[in-house]
Amino acid sequence: MMMAKRRKGLSERHKKILVMLENYQAETGYPPSIREIGKQTGISSTSVVNYYLNQLEEEGYIERDRKISRGVRLVKDLSGQLHDVANTVRGAIEDLIRVPVIGRIAAGLPMPIPSSDFAYYDAESGVQIARSLLAPGDKEEDLFALEVQGDSMVDAMVNDGDIVVMKRAQDARNGEMVAVWLNDRDETTLKYFYKENGRVRLQPANPTMQPIFVDNPRAVQVQGKVVMVSAKWSGLTKPKRTPHKNPSIDGFLFLIVFPSKITPCH
């Protein structure tokens, strides 16, 4: 693609990108992706966005780390003043880890899946989260993410299309939100877990839905516990409010840490 010969100084597009970077980083604490820059500045081509970013880098307005998706750091603003959040943003980027999105999970009626694994997504699918959000003892290699289908957990602020970050586990305590495989049906579902009276109750967080009772606890295999949820909104993610914790910044956008034990809605 042929680019117009650049004139000296900053064009309106340069300025628009700088303002977008400053506002985005001030609001979220971390940089936008290339696609987000294009969307919010009216540039449809990612190659054109890169063209302008390269020029801003040459002029010393930004720094770039091309090894990661959110590697644009604002160094100085339109007036040429050094940007005081640059070091903060650099630290936030270095704190990010990538969690693979390995499939979908039903938050509704149990969803049939192959009995071997959850894998529906390619190896490149993933979300970024801050390592500092992990609980003590949690290991990066034990984390995976699933896309939610259904609305049985809406009162827990988990909606259709959200991404839940899970920690691999084979058992659960009462009240924990878990992904389970019902091995007698070859189905998976996302619910609150309760073991009581010799059977398992899988409790939705939606007053219009009934719990699932499994008489044989061995038929319920816990695959993981929910530790975070990322809300999707208009193609991006949007922070959600919860009385338990304040939203925390995530590479995918915003994540909320769920308590390990929550009283379900009946």
C-alpha atoms as a PDB file:
ATOM      1  CA  MET A   1       0.000   0.000   0.000  1.00  0.00           C
ATOM      2  CA  MET A   2       1.456   3.413  -1.043  1.00  0.00           C
ATOM      3  CA  MET A   3       1.582   6.010   1.715  1.00  0.00           C
ATOM      4  CA  ALA A   4       1.464   9.738   1.101  1.00  0.00           C
ATOM      5  CA  LYS A   5       4.753  11.577   1.557  1.00  0.00           C
ATOM      6  CA  ARG A   6       4.967  12.742   5.137  1.00  0.00           C
ATOM      7  CA  ARG A   7       5.058  16.457   5.902  1.00  0.00           C
ATOM      8  CA  LYS A   8       7.043  17.834   8.820  1.00  0.00           C
ATOM      9  CA  GLY A   9       5.242  17.996  12.130  1.00  0.00           C
ATOM     10  CA  LEU A  10       2.270  16.039  13.365  1.00  0.00           C
ATOM     11  CA  SER A  11      -0.745  15.498  11.155  1.00  0.00           C
ATOM     12  CA  GLU A  12      -4.292  15.380  12.481  1.00  0.00           C
ATOM     13  CA  ARG A  13      -4.095  11.581  12.525  1.00  0.00           C
ATOM     14  CA  HIS A  14      -0.879  11.672  14.537  1.00  0.00           C
ATOM     15  CA  LYS A  15      -2.549  13.986  17.028  1.00  0.00           C
ATOM     16  CA  LYS A  16      -5.699  11.888  17.185  1.00  0.00           C
ATOM     17  CA  ILE A  17      -3.660   8.756  17.930  1.00  0.00           C
ATOM     18  CA  LEU A  18      -1.660  10.527  20.644  1.00  0.00           C
ATOM     19  CA  VAL A  19      -4.826  11.823  22.322  1.00  0.00           C
ATOM     20  CA  MET A  20      -6.383   8.368  22.129  1.00  0.00           C
ATOM     21  CA  LEU A  21      -3.268   6.775  23.663  1.00  0.00           C
ATOM     22  CA  GLU A  22      -3.178   9.310  26.476  1.00  0.00           C
ATOM     23  CA  ASN A  23      -6.883   8.957  27.307  1.00  0.00           C
ATOM     24  CA  TYR A  24      -6.852   5.168  27.052  1.00  0.00           C
ATOM     25  CA  GLN A  25      -3.788   4.727  29.244  1.00  0.00           C
ATOM     26  CA  ALA A  26      -5.058   7.242  31.808  1.00  0.00           C
ATOM     27  CA  GLU A  27      -8.382   5.391  32.023  1.00  0.00           C
ATOM     28  CA  THR A  28      -7.155   1.783  32.001  1.00  0.00           C
ATOM     29  CA  GLY A  29      -3.513   1.921  33.071  1.00  0.00           C
ATOM     30  CA  TYR A  30      -2.265  -0.081  30.085  1.00  0.00           C
ATOM     31  CA  PRO A  31      -1.986   0.452  26.295  1.00  0.00           C
ATOM     32  CA  PRO A  32      -4.582  -0.320  23.621  1.00  0.00           C
ATOM     33  CA  SER A  33      -4.103  -2.914  20.921  1.00  0.00           C
ATOM     34  CA  ILE A  34      -3.454  -1.935  17.295  1.00  0.00           C
ATOM     35  CA  ARG A  35      -7.058  -2.787  16.356  1.00  0.00           C
ATOM     36  CA  GLU A  36      -8.423  -0.691  19.213  1.00  0.00           C
ATOM     37  CA  ILE A  37      -6.314   2.275  18.099  1.00  0.00           C
ATOM     38  CA  GLY A  38      -7.698   1.925  14.580  1.00  0.00           C
ATOM     39  CA  LYS A  39     -11.286   1.566  15.758  1.00  0.00           C
ATOM     40  CA  GLN A  40     -11.200   4.609  18.014  1.00  0.00           C
ATOM     41  CA  THR A  41      -9.360   6.850  15.536  1.00  0.00           C
ATOM     42  CA  GLY A  42     -11.321   5.866  12.438  1.00  0.00           C
ATOM     43  CA  ILE A  43      -8.480   3.994  10.700  1.00  0.00           C
ATOM     44  CA  SER A  44      -9.701   0.729   9.202  1.00  0.00           C
ATOM     45  CA  SER A  45      -6.324  -0.727   8.221  1.00  0.00           C
ATOM     46  CA  THR A  46      -3.925  -2.039  10.859  1.00  0.00           C
ATOM     47  CA  SER A  47      -1.026  -1.423   8.457  1.00  0.00           C
ATOM     48  CA  VAL A  48      -1.964   2.257   8.328  1.00  0.00           C
ATOM     49  CA  VAL A  49      -2.098   2.376  12.127  1.00  0.00           C
ATOM     50  CA  ASN A  50       1.390   0.829  12.219  1.00  0.00           C
ATOM     51  CA  TYR A  51       2.578   3.415   9.673  1.00  0.00           C
ATOM     52  CA  TYR A  52       1.594   6.293  11.942  1.00  0.00           C
ATOM     53  CA  LEU A  53       2.852   4.558  15.070  1.00  0.00           C
ATOM     54  CA  ASN A  54       6.257   4.041  13.454  1.00  0.00           C
ATOM     55  CA  GLN A  55       6.442   7.765  12.741  1.00  0.00           C
ATOM     56  CA  LEU A  56       5.432   8.660  16.294  1.00  0.00           C
ATOM     57  CA  GLU A  57       8.120   6.297  17.528  1.00  0.00           C
ATOM     58  CA  GLU A  58      10.732   7.969  15.324  1.00  0.00           C
ATOM     59  CA  GLU A  59       9.746  11.345  16.775  1.00  0.00           C
ATOM     60  CA  GLY A  60      10.068  10.034  20.334  1.00  0.00           C
ATOM     61  CA  TYR A  61       6.388  10.292  21.277  1.00  0.00           C
ATOM     62  CA  ILE A  62       5.964   6.583  21.904  1.00  0.00           C
ATOM     63  CA  GLU A  63       7.954   3.423  22.553  1.00  0.00           C
ATOM     64  CA  ARG A  64       6.990   0.055  21.076  1.00  0.00           C
ATOM     65  CA  ASP A  65       7.528  -3.552  22.042  1.00  0.00           C
ATOM     66  CA  ARG A  66       6.558  -5.519  18.940  1.00  0.00           C
ATOM     67  CA  LYS A  67       6.706  -8.878  20.724  1.00  0.00           C
ATOM     68  CA  ILE A  68       3.411  -8.278  22.544  1.00  0.00           C
ATOM     69  CA  SER A  69      -0.035  -7.156  21.373  1.00  0.00           C
ATOM     70  CA  ARG A  70      -0.264  -4.142  23.704  1.00  0.00           C
ATOM     71  CA  GLY A  71       3.279  -2.907  23.313  1.00  0.00           C
ATOM     72  CA  VAL A  72       2.659   0.797  22.602  1.00  0.00           C
ATOM     73  CA  ARG A  73       3.788   3.126  25.407  1.00  0.00           C
ATOM     74  CA  LEU A  74       3.159   6.872  25.385  1.00  0.00           C
ATOM     75  CA  VAL A  75       6.382   8.708  26.250  1.00  0.00           C
ATOM     76  CA  LYS A  76       5.346  12.336  25.732  1.00  0.00           C
ATOM     77  CA  ASP A  77       2.093  14.119  24.939  1.00  0.00           C
ATOM     78  CA  LEU A  78       1.151  16.571  22.196  1.00  0.00           C
ATOM     79  CA  SER A  79       2.901  19.448  23.963  1.00  0.00           C
ATOM     80  CA  GLY A  80       6.114  17.432  24.093  1.00  0.00           C
ATOM     81  CA  GLN A  81       5.955  16.965  27.861  1.00  0.00           C
ATOM     82  CA  LEU A  82       7.187  13.653  29.223  1.00  0.00           C
ATOM     83  CA  HIS A  83       4.274  11.408  30.112  1.00  0.00           C
ATOM     84  CA  ASP A  84       4.292  10.526  33.801  1.00  0.00           C
ATOM     85  CA  VAL A  85       2.501   7.184  33.364  1.00  0.00           C
ATOM     86  CA  ALA A  86       5.066   5.706  30.971  1.00  0.00           C
ATOM     87  CA  ASN A  87       6.896   3.796  33.676  1.00  0.00           C
ATOM     88  CA  THR A  88       3.616   2.635  35.181  1.00  0.00           C
ATOM     89  CA  VAL A  89       2.449   1.346  31.809  1.00  0.00           C
ATOM     90  CA  ARG A  90       5.797  -0.360  31.213  1.00  0.00           C
ATOM     91  CA  GLY A  91       5.468  -2.140  34.530  1.00  0.00           C
ATOM     92  CA  ALA A  92       1.888  -3.183  33.750  1.00  0.00           C
ATOM     93  CA  ILE A  93       2.952  -4.681  30.423  1.00  0.00           C
ATOM     94  CA  GLU A  94       5.785  -6.631  32.029  1.00  0.00           C
ATOM     95  CA  ASP A  95       3.292  -8.003  34.571  1.00  0.00           C
ATOM     96  CA  LEU A  96       0.998  -9.490  31.904  1.00  0.00           C
ATOM     97  CA  ILE A  97       0.729 -13.219  31.297  1.00  0.00           C
ATOM     98  CA  ARG A  98      -1.181 -14.998  28.543  1.00  0.00           C
ATOM     99  CA  VAL A  99      -3.926 -17.462  29.427  1.00  0.00           C
ATOM    100  CA  PRO A 100      -5.083 -19.787  26.622  1.00  0.00           C
ATOM    101  CA  VAL A 101      -8.779 -19.800  25.703  1.00  0.00           C
ATOM    102  CA  ILE A 102      -9.289 -23.509  25.108  1.00  0.00           C
ATOM    103  CA  GLY A 103     -13.024 -23.808  24.482  1.00  0.00           C
ATOM    104  CA  ARG A 104     -16.575 -23.009  25.494  1.00  0.00           C
ATOM    105  CA  ILE A 105     -18.528 -23.826  28.634  1.00  0.00           C
ATOM    106  CA  ALA A 106     -22.310 -23.915  29.025  1.00  0.00           C
ATOM    107  CA  ALA A 107     -23.898 -21.640  31.623  1.00  0.00           C
ATOM    108  CA  GLY A 108     -27.352 -23.083  31.094  1.00  0.00           C
ATOM    109  CA  LEU A 109     -28.260 -26.611  30.212  1.00  0.00           C
ATOM    110  CA  PRO A 110     -25.184 -28.870  30.102  1.00  0.00           C
ATOM    111  CA  MET A 111     -23.491 -28.807  26.713  1.00  0.00           C
ATOM    112  CA  PRO A 112     -22.240 -31.971  24.989  1.00  0.00           C
ATOM    113  CA  ILE A 113     -18.503 -32.031  24.272  1.00  0.00           C
ATOM    114  CA  PRO A 114     -15.965 -34.654  23.225  1.00  0.00           C
ATOM    115  CA  SER A 115     -14.971 -36.602  26.326  1.00  0.00           C
ATOM    116  CA  SER A 116     -11.256 -36.126  25.700  1.00  0.00           C
ATOM    117  CA  ASP A 117     -10.854 -32.406  26.390  1.00  0.00           C
ATOM    118  CA  PHE A 118     -12.238 -28.867  26.106  1.00  0.00           C
ATOM    119  CA  ALA A 119     -10.148 -27.911  23.082  1.00  0.00           C
ATOM    120  CA  TYR A 120     -12.110 -26.035  20.451  1.00  0.00           C
ATOM    121  CA  TYR A 121      -9.842 -23.024  19.952  1.00  0.00           C
ATOM    122  CA  ASP A 122      -6.520 -22.806  18.189  1.00  0.00           C
ATOM    123  CA  ALA A 123      -3.267 -22.372  20.069  1.00  0.00           C
ATOM    124  CA  GLU A 124      -3.183 -18.623  19.376  1.00  0.00           C
ATOM    125  CA  SER A 125      -6.414 -17.896  21.238  1.00  0.00           C
ATOM    126  CA  GLY A 126      -5.877 -16.342  24.616  1.00  0.00           C
ATOM    127  CA  VAL A 127      -6.381 -13.450  27.000  1.00  0.00           C
ATOM    128  CA  GLN A 128      -3.819 -11.476  28.945  1.00  0.00           C
ATOM    129  CA  ILE A 129      -4.060 -10.967  32.699  1.00  0.00           C
ATOM    130  CA  ALA A 130      -1.856  -9.363  35.309  1.00  0.00           C
ATOM    131  CA  ARG A 131       0.341 -11.818  37.161  1.00  0.00           C
ATOM    132  CA  SER A 132      -0.186  -9.743  40.297  1.00  0.00           C
ATOM    133  CA  LEU A 133      -3.857 -10.760  40.335  1.00  0.00           C
ATOM    134  CA  LEU A 134      -3.028 -14.385  41.015  1.00  0.00           C
ATOM    135  CA  ALA A 135      -3.527 -15.694  44.516  1.00  0.00           C
ATOM    136  CA  PRO A 136      -0.425 -16.857  46.418  1.00  0.00           C
ATOM    137  CA  GLY A 137       0.454 -20.343  45.270  1.00  0.00           C
ATOM    138  CA  ASP A 138      -1.433 -20.107  41.964  1.00  0.00           C
ATOM    139  CA  LYS A 139       0.700 -21.196  39.026  1.00  0.00           C
ATOM    140  CA  GLU A 140       0.523 -19.659  35.580  1.00  0.00           C
ATOM    141  CA  GLU A 141       0.606 -23.094  33.932  1.00  0.00           C
ATOM    142  CA  ASP A 142      -2.548 -24.133  35.833  1.00  0.00           C
ATOM    143  CA  LEU A 143      -4.682 -21.412  34.261  1.00  0.00           C
ATOM    144  CA  PHE A 144      -6.956 -21.691  31.240  1.00  0.00           C
ATOM    145  CA  ALA A 145      -9.927 -19.717  29.937  1.00  0.00           C
ATOM    146  CA  LEU A 146     -13.339 -20.622  28.533  1.00  0.00           C
ATOM    147  CA  GLU A 147     -16.001 -18.679  26.668  1.00  0.00           C
ATOM    148  CA  VAL A 148     -19.368 -18.764  28.434  1.00  0.00           C
ATOM    149  CA  GLN A 149     -22.523 -19.779  26.585  1.00  0.00           C
ATOM    150  CA  GLY A 150     -25.857 -19.222  28.311  1.00  0.00           C
ATOM    151  CA  ASP A 151     -27.250 -17.104  31.118  1.00  0.00           C
ATOM    152  CA  SER A 152     -27.628 -19.407  34.110  1.00  0.00           C
ATOM    153  CA  MET A 153     -24.947 -17.473  36.044  1.00  0.00           C
ATOM    154  CA  VAL A 154     -26.142 -13.919  35.405  1.00  0.00           C
ATOM    155  CA  ASP A 155     -26.669 -13.115  39.080  1.00  0.00           C
ATOM    156  CA  ALA A 156     -22.980 -13.912  39.584  1.00  0.00           C
ATOM    157  CA  MET A 157     -22.223 -11.331  36.848  1.00  0.00           C
ATOM    158  CA  VAL A 158     -21.237 -14.013  34.351  1.00  0.00           C
ATOM    159  CA  ASN A 159     -23.076 -13.438  31.083  1.00  0.00           C
ATOM    160  CA  ASP A 160     -23.303 -15.088  27.695  1.00  0.00           C
ATOM    161  CA  GLY A 161     -20.127 -14.357  25.735  1.00  0.00           C
ATOM    162  CA  ASP A 162     -17.978 -13.562  28.774  1.00  0.00           C
ATOM    163  CA  ILE A 163     -14.598 -15.209  29.254  1.00  0.00           C
ATOM    164  CA  VAL A 164     -13.973 -17.020  32.539  1.00  0.00           C
ATOM    165  CA  VAL A 165     -10.419 -17.654  33.695  1.00  0.00           C
ATOM    166  CA  MET A 166     -10.155 -21.002  35.458  1.00  0.00           C
ATOM    167  CA  LYS A 167      -7.631 -22.692  37.713  1.00  0.00           C
ATOM    168  CA  ARG A 168      -7.261 -26.405  37.096  1.00  0.00           C
ATOM    169  CA  ALA A 169      -8.707 -28.451  39.944  1.00  0.00           C
ATOM    170  CA  GLN A 170     -10.107 -31.913  40.536  1.00  0.00           C
ATOM    171  CA  ASP A 171     -12.234 -31.133  43.580  1.00  0.00           C
ATOM    172  CA  ALA A 172     -14.170 -28.207  44.994  1.00  0.00           C
ATOM    173  CA  ARG A 173     -15.613 -26.878  48.220  1.00  0.00           C
ATOM    174  CA  ASN A 174     -19.291 -26.072  48.615  1.00  0.00           C
ATOM    175  CA  GLY A 175     -20.127 -22.695  47.132  1.00  0.00           C
ATOM    176  CA  GLU A 176     -17.299 -22.531  44.604  1.00  0.00           C
ATOM    177  CA  MET A 177     -18.062 -21.783  40.966  1.00  0.00           C
ATOM    178  CA  VAL A 178     -16.662 -24.584  38.863  1.00  0.00           C
ATOM    179  CA  ALA A 179     -16.536 -26.065  35.386  1.00  0.00           C
ATOM    180  CA  VAL A 180     -17.618 -29.685  35.609  1.00  0.00           C
ATOM    181  CA  TRP A 181     -17.764 -32.598  33.227  1.00  0.00           C
ATOM    182  CA  LEU A 182     -20.736 -34.897  33.690  1.00  0.00           C
ATOM    183  CA  ASN A 183     -19.035 -38.048  32.471  1.00  0.00           C
ATOM    184  CA  ASP A 184     -22.185 -40.147  32.290  1.00  0.00           C
ATOM    185  CA  ARG A 185     -23.593 -37.667  29.751  1.00  0.00           C
ATOM    186  CA  ASP A 186     -20.405 -36.338  28.088  1.00  0.00           C
ATOM    187  CA  GLU A 187     -21.551 -32.814  28.956  1.00  0.00           C
ATOM    188  CA  THR A 188     -19.993 -29.774  30.609  1.00  0.00           C
ATOM    189  CA  THR A 189     -21.526 -26.923  32.570  1.00  0.00           C
ATOM    190  CA  LEU A 190     -20.559 -23.928  34.711  1.00  0.00           C
ATOM    191  CA  LYS A 191     -22.315 -23.820  38.095  1.00  0.00           C
ATOM    192  CA  TYR A 192     -21.910 -23.416  41.833  1.00  0.00           C
ATOM    193  CA  PHE A 193     -20.873 -26.725  43.373  1.00  0.00           C
ATOM    194  CA  TYR A 194     -22.543 -28.296  46.411  1.00  0.00           C
ATOM    195  CA  LYS A 195     -22.038 -31.787  47.741  1.00  0.00           C
ATOM    196  CA  GLU A 196     -24.847 -32.668  50.172  1.00  0.00           C
ATOM    197  CA  ASN A 197     -26.821 -35.684  51.322  1.00  0.00           C
ATOM    198  CA  GLY A 198     -24.678 -38.052  49.272  1.00  0.00           C
ATOM    199  CA  ARG A 199     -25.311 -36.281  45.974  1.00  0.00           C
ATOM    200  CA  VAL A 200     -24.081 -33.205  44.076  1.00  0.00           C
ATOM    201  CA  ARG A 201     -26.139 -30.069  43.478  1.00  0.00           C
ATOM    202  CA  LEU A 202     -25.022 -27.854  40.601  1.00  0.00           C
ATOM    203  CA  GLN A 203     -26.671 -24.530  41.385  1.00  0.00           C
ATOM    204  CA  PRO A 204     -27.294 -21.812  38.778  1.00  0.00           C
ATOM    205  CA  ALA A 205     -27.178 -18.127  39.700  1.00  0.00           C
ATOM    206  CA  ASN A 206     -30.431 -17.375  37.943  1.00  0.00           C
ATOM    207  CA  PRO A 207     -33.779 -17.520  39.819  1.00  0.00           C
ATOM    208  CA  THR A 208     -35.585 -18.695  36.695  1.00  0.00           C
ATOM    209  CA  MET A 209     -33.516 -21.891  36.470  1.00  0.00           C
ATOM    210  CA  GLN A 210     -33.521 -25.066  38.517  1.00  0.00           C
ATOM    211  CA  PRO A 211     -30.435 -26.757  39.981  1.00  0.00           C
ATOM    212  CA  ILE A 212     -29.030 -29.938  38.497  1.00  0.00           C
ATOM    213  CA  PHE A 213     -28.940 -32.865  40.934  1.00  0.00           C
ATOM    214  CA  VAL A 214     -26.508 -35.723  40.334  1.00  0.00           C
ATOM    215  CA  ASP A 215     -27.094 -38.760  42.541  1.00  0.00           C
ATOM    216  CA  ASN A 216     -23.698 -40.311  41.798  1.00  0.00           C
ATOM    217  CA  PRO A 217     -20.928 -37.874  42.838  1.00  0.00           C
ATOM    218  CA  ARG A 218     -18.412 -39.875  40.800  1.00  0.00           C
ATOM    219  CA  ALA A 219     -20.247 -38.798  37.655  1.00  0.00           C
ATOM    220  CA  VAL A 220     -19.268 -35.172  38.374  1.00  0.00           C
ATOM    221  CA  GLN A 221     -15.658 -34.410  37.494  1.00  0.00           C
ATOM    222  CA  VAL A 222     -14.449 -30.946  38.450  1.00  0.00           C
ATOM    223  CA  GLN A 223     -12.260 -29.503  35.687  1.00  0.00           C
ATOM    224  CA  GLY A 224     -11.479 -26.107  37.190  1.00  0.00           C
ATOM    225  CA  LYS A 225     -12.508 -23.281  39.500  1.00  0.00           C
ATOM    226  CA  VAL A 226     -13.415 -19.772  38.346  1.00  0.00           C
ATOM    227  CA  VAL A 227     -10.910 -17.200  39.534  1.00  0.00           C
ATOM    228  CA  MET A 228     -11.725 -14.286  37.205  1.00  0.00           C
ATOM    229  CA  VAL A 229     -14.234 -13.191  34.592  1.00  0.00           C
ATOM    230  CA  SER A 230     -13.785 -10.836  31.662  1.00  0.00           C
ATOM    231  CA  ALA A 231     -16.927  -9.099  30.400  1.00  0.00           C
ATOM    232  CA  LYS A 232     -17.414  -8.654  26.683  1.00  0.00           C
ATOM    233  CA  TRP A 233     -19.232  -5.590  25.346  1.00  0.00           C
ATOM    234  CA  SER A 234     -19.535  -4.324  21.760  1.00  0.00           C
ATOM    235  CA  GLY A 235     -16.552  -6.358  20.620  1.00  0.00           C
ATOM    236  CA  LEU A 236     -14.438  -5.194  23.552  1.00  0.00           C
ATOM    237  CA  THR A 237     -14.545  -5.920  27.230  1.00  0.00           C
ATOM    238  CA  LYS A 238     -16.203  -3.706  29.797  1.00  0.00           C
ATOM    239  CA  PRO A 239     -15.635  -3.537  33.536  1.00  0.00           C
ATOM    240  CA  LYS A 240     -18.427  -4.900  35.699  1.00  0.00           C
ATOM    241  CA  ARG A 241     -19.199  -3.825  39.249  1.00  0.00           C
ATOM    242  CA  THR A 242     -19.419  -6.321  42.043  1.00  0.00           C
ATOM    243  CA  PRO A 243     -19.902  -5.891  45.794  1.00  0.00           C
ATOM    244  CA  HIS A 244     -17.093  -8.366  46.457  1.00  0.00           C
ATOM    245  CA  LYS A 245     -14.125  -6.787  44.703  1.00  0.00           C
ATOM    246  CA  ASN A 246     -13.272  -3.790  42.565  1.00  0.00           C
ATOM    247  CA  PRO A 247     -12.485  -4.488  38.903  1.00  0.00           C
ATOM    248  CA  SER A 248      -8.833  -5.077  38.126  1.00  0.00           C
ATOM    249  CA  ILE A 249      -6.948  -4.383  34.921  1.00  0.00           C
ATOM    250  CA  ASP A 250      -6.412  -7.241  32.545  1.00  0.00           C
ATOM    251  CA  GLY A 251      -4.629  -7.546  29.218  1.00  0.00           C
ATOM    252  CA  PHE A 252      -7.878  -8.611  27.596  1.00  0.00           C
ATOM    253  CA  LEU A 253      -9.341  -5.601  29.301  1.00  0.00           C
ATOM    254  CA  PHE A 254     -10.971  -5.809  32.714  1.00  0.00           C
ATOM    255  CA  LEU A 255     -11.202  -8.732  35.108  1.00  0.00           C
ATOM    256  CA  ILE A 256     -12.986  -9.235  38.397  1.00  0.00           C
ATOM    257  CA  VAL A 257     -11.638 -11.592  41.003  1.00  0.00           C
ATOM    258  CA  PHE A 258     -14.356 -13.806  42.450  1.00  0.00           C
ATOM    259  CA  PRO A 259     -14.277 -14.899  46.076  1.00  0.00           C
ATOM    260  CA  SER A 260     -13.563 -18.594  46.502  1.00  0.00           C
ATOM    261  CA  LYS A 261     -16.906 -19.122  48.210  1.00  0.00           C
ATOM    262  CA  ILE A 262     -20.189 -17.422  47.320  1.00  0.00           C
ATOM    263  CA  THR A 263     -23.676 -18.083  48.578  1.00  0.00           C
ATOM    264  CA  PRO A 264     -25.752 -19.002  45.511  1.00  0.00           C
ATOM    265  CA  CYS A 265     -29.105 -17.551  44.549  1.00  0.00           C
ATOM    266  CA  HIS A 266     -31.889 -20.141  44.794  1.00  0.00           C
END
